[in-house]
Amino acid sequence: MARGGTLTAGARSLMLSSLLGHTTSSGFAPPQRLYVALLRTPALDSDTGTTIEAKEPVLTVIEQGLTILTGYERVEISTEPGSGAWMESGIGGAVNTAGINWPTPERGWGIISCWALSTGPTGGALVAYGELLEQVQVQQGNAVAIVPGGLRISIEQRSG
């Protein structure tokens, strides 16, 4: 369902600092869980977990003066050792080992074309991002999922 994604420049920098035994000024510690977001437009390396919120489906809509939840939320995925949520995929890559399932939409979410990993259910730091293989029109009642092995992340920086 998803093309290969890439770590953000910030995540690559933190990874290199950690590998070389340097302490980071941010006091970085690997997150115990990440949150997968669906995006209507591509993330940029300069985005944050907060700026991608504008690219995600809306959380609420106003209908006849009432605020109605759409059912969208980021999906939590564990990164704890032994969780089995991720598996190495070649040199410098990883894939999800379990399906990633969003709640059934209460209202349409629009056309989804990309994904992102963040350290928070809202906001947080943007860790990785990528494109879906195909755009998906998410309508009310149609569940969305990324199958095992469908979300691929690479350490390599994308060109272009």
Protein backbone atom coordinates (compact mmCIF):
# COMPACT_ATOMS: atom_id res chain seq x y z
CA MET A 1 0.00 0.00 0.00
CA ALA A 2 2.91 2.39 0.63
CA ARG A 3 6.03 3.26 -1.34
CA GLY A 4 9.33 3.34 0.45
CA GLY A 5 9.51 6.21 2.89
CA THR A 6 12.48 8.01 4.33
CA LEU A 7 13.60 9.21 7.72
CA THR A 8 13.61 12.98 8.16
CA ALA A 9 16.94 14.83 8.23
CA GLY A 10 16.48 15.35 11.97
CA ALA A 11 15.93 11.62 12.57
CA ARG A 12 18.99 10.71 10.47
CA SER A 13 21.10 13.21 12.42
CA LEU A 14 19.92 11.83 15.78
CA MET A 15 20.60 8.28 14.59
CA LEU A 16 24.15 9.14 13.54
CA SER A 17 24.84 10.96 16.81
CA SER A 18 23.55 7.96 18.76
CA LEU A 19 25.60 5.52 16.67
CA LEU A 20 28.77 7.53 17.28
CA GLY A 21 28.08 7.73 21.02
CA HIS A 22 27.46 11.47 21.06
CA THR A 23 24.88 12.98 23.33
CA THR A 24 22.42 15.20 21.55
CA SER A 25 21.52 18.68 22.68
CA SER A 26 17.87 17.66 22.61
CA GLY A 27 18.43 14.80 25.09
CA PHE A 28 17.02 12.40 22.48
CA ALA A 29 15.80 9.01 23.62
CA PRO A 30 14.19 6.61 21.14
CA PRO A 31 10.39 6.76 21.43
CA GLN A 32 8.61 3.69 22.83
CA ARG A 33 5.82 4.14 20.32
CA LEU A 34 5.20 6.00 17.10
CA TYR A 35 1.98 7.16 15.51
CA VAL A 36 1.14 6.62 11.85
CA ALA A 37 -0.67 9.50 10.19
CA LEU A 38 -2.47 9.52 6.85
CA LEU A 39 -1.86 12.63 4.75
CA ARG A 40 -3.76 14.35 1.95
CA THR A 41 -0.58 16.01 0.63
CA PRO A 42 3.09 15.00 0.87
CA ALA A 43 5.14 15.75 3.98
CA LEU A 44 8.32 17.75 3.60
CA ASP A 45 11.59 17.24 5.43
CA SER A 46 10.98 20.63 7.07
CA ASP A 47 7.58 19.53 8.46
CA THR A 48 7.01 18.69 12.10
CA GLY A 49 4.44 16.52 13.84
CA THR A 50 2.43 19.72 14.30
CA THR A 51 2.67 21.07 10.74
CA ILE A 52 1.55 17.75 9.25
CA GLU A 53 -1.74 18.10 11.13
CA ALA A 54 -2.83 20.50 8.37
CA LYS A 55 -2.18 17.69 5.85
CA GLU A 56 -4.13 15.03 7.77
CA PRO A 57 -7.87 14.42 7.42
CA VAL A 58 -9.91 16.73 9.62
CA LEU A 59 -10.94 15.46 13.05
CA THR A 60 -14.33 17.14 13.07
CA VAL A 61 -16.85 18.60 10.63
CA ILE A 62 -19.70 21.01 11.23
CA GLU A 63 -23.07 19.75 10.02
CA GLN A 64 -26.24 21.74 10.69
CA GLY A 65 -24.46 23.66 13.43
CA LEU A 66 -23.23 20.49 15.18
CA THR A 67 -19.61 19.43 15.52
CA ILE A 68 -19.29 15.81 14.38
CA LEU A 69 -16.22 13.59 14.78
CA THR A 70 -14.91 12.11 11.53
CA GLY A 71 -13.31 9.11 13.27
CA TYR A 72 -9.79 10.00 12.12
CA GLU A 73 -6.86 9.63 14.48
CA ARG A 74 -3.23 8.62 14.19
CA VAL A 75 -2.61 4.93 14.83
CA GLU A 76 -0.16 3.91 17.56
CA ILE A 77 2.57 1.42 16.68
CA SER A 78 5.05 0.12 19.25
CA THR A 79 8.81 0.50 18.91
CA GLU A 80 9.62 -1.25 22.19
CA PRO A 81 12.20 -4.06 21.95
CA GLY A 82 10.49 -7.40 21.53
CA SER A 83 7.22 -5.86 20.30
CA GLY A 84 7.75 -7.35 16.86
CA ALA A 85 6.10 -4.34 15.20
CA TRP A 86 9.04 -3.73 12.83
CA MET A 87 11.39 -6.02 10.93
CA GLU A 88 14.64 -5.18 9.17
CA SER A 89 14.28 -5.14 5.42
CA GLY A 90 17.65 -5.14 3.73
CA ILE A 91 20.45 -2.80 4.69
CA GLY A 92 19.16 0.42 6.23
CA GLY A 93 15.48 -0.42 5.96
CA ALA A 94 12.52 -1.71 7.95
CA VAL A 95 8.91 -2.76 7.33
CA ASN A 96 5.87 -3.08 9.55
CA THR A 97 5.17 -6.67 10.60
CA ALA A 98 1.54 -6.21 11.64
CA GLY A 99 -1.35 -4.52 9.90
CA ILE A 100 -1.93 -0.85 10.69
CA ASN A 101 -5.67 -0.27 10.97
CA TRP A 102 -7.48 3.04 11.32
CA PRO A 103 -10.90 3.38 12.92
CA THR A 104 -13.85 3.15 10.53
CA PRO A 105 -14.55 6.68 9.27
CA GLU A 106 -17.68 8.34 10.63
CA ARG A 107 -17.40 10.86 7.76
CA GLY A 108 -15.26 10.89 4.61
CA TRP A 109 -11.57 11.75 5.01
CA GLY A 110 -11.00 12.79 1.40
CA ILE A 111 -8.21 11.61 -0.87
CA ILE A 112 -5.24 10.18 1.03
CA SER A 113 -1.93 9.98 -0.83
CA CYS A 114 0.81 9.85 1.82
CA TRP A 115 1.74 8.72 5.33
CA ALA A 116 3.96 9.97 8.15
CA LEU A 117 5.36 8.69 11.45
CA SER A 118 5.27 11.02 14.43
CA THR A 119 6.22 10.68 18.08
CA GLY A 120 2.80 11.85 19.28
CA PRO A 121 -0.91 11.15 18.74
CA THR A 122 -1.04 14.87 17.91
CA GLY A 123 1.94 17.12 17.33
CA GLY A 124 5.18 15.38 18.27
CA ALA A 125 8.30 15.13 16.14
CA LEU A 126 8.06 13.99 12.53
CA VAL A 127 10.27 10.89 12.18
CA ALA A 128 9.59 9.49 8.69
CA TYR A 129 7.24 9.99 5.76
CA GLY A 130 6.38 8.56 2.37
CA GLU A 131 3.77 8.13 -0.33
CA LEU A 132 1.09 5.48 -0.75
CA LEU A 133 1.37 3.30 -3.86
CA GLU A 134 -2.04 4.60 -4.91
CA GLN A 135 -4.23 7.43 -3.70
CA VAL A 136 -7.21 6.28 -1.66
CA GLN A 137 -10.59 8.02 -1.52
CA VAL A 138 -11.66 7.38 2.08
CA GLN A 139 -15.42 7.49 2.43
CA GLN A 140 -17.69 7.11 5.41
CA GLY A 141 -17.75 3.50 6.62
CA ASN A 142 -14.76 2.31 4.52
CA ALA A 143 -11.96 1.10 6.79
CA VAL A 144 -8.36 1.96 5.92
CA ALA A 145 -5.39 -0.33 6.60
CA ILE A 146 -1.77 -0.82 5.64
CA VAL A 147 -1.01 -4.54 5.35
CA PRO A 148 2.03 -6.18 7.00
CA GLY A 149 5.11 -5.26 4.98
CA GLY A 150 3.20 -2.40 3.35
CA LEU A 151 4.99 0.45 5.13
CA ARG A 152 8.68 0.58 4.26
CA ILE A 153 11.18 2.98 5.77
CA SER A 154 14.71 3.58 4.57
CA ILE A 155 17.60 5.47 6.14
CA GLU A 156 18.63 6.74 2.71
CA GLN A 157 17.70 10.28 1.83
CA ARG A 158 15.36 10.50 -1.14
CA SER A 159 16.64 12.41 -4.12
CA GLY A 160 14.61 15.13 -5.74
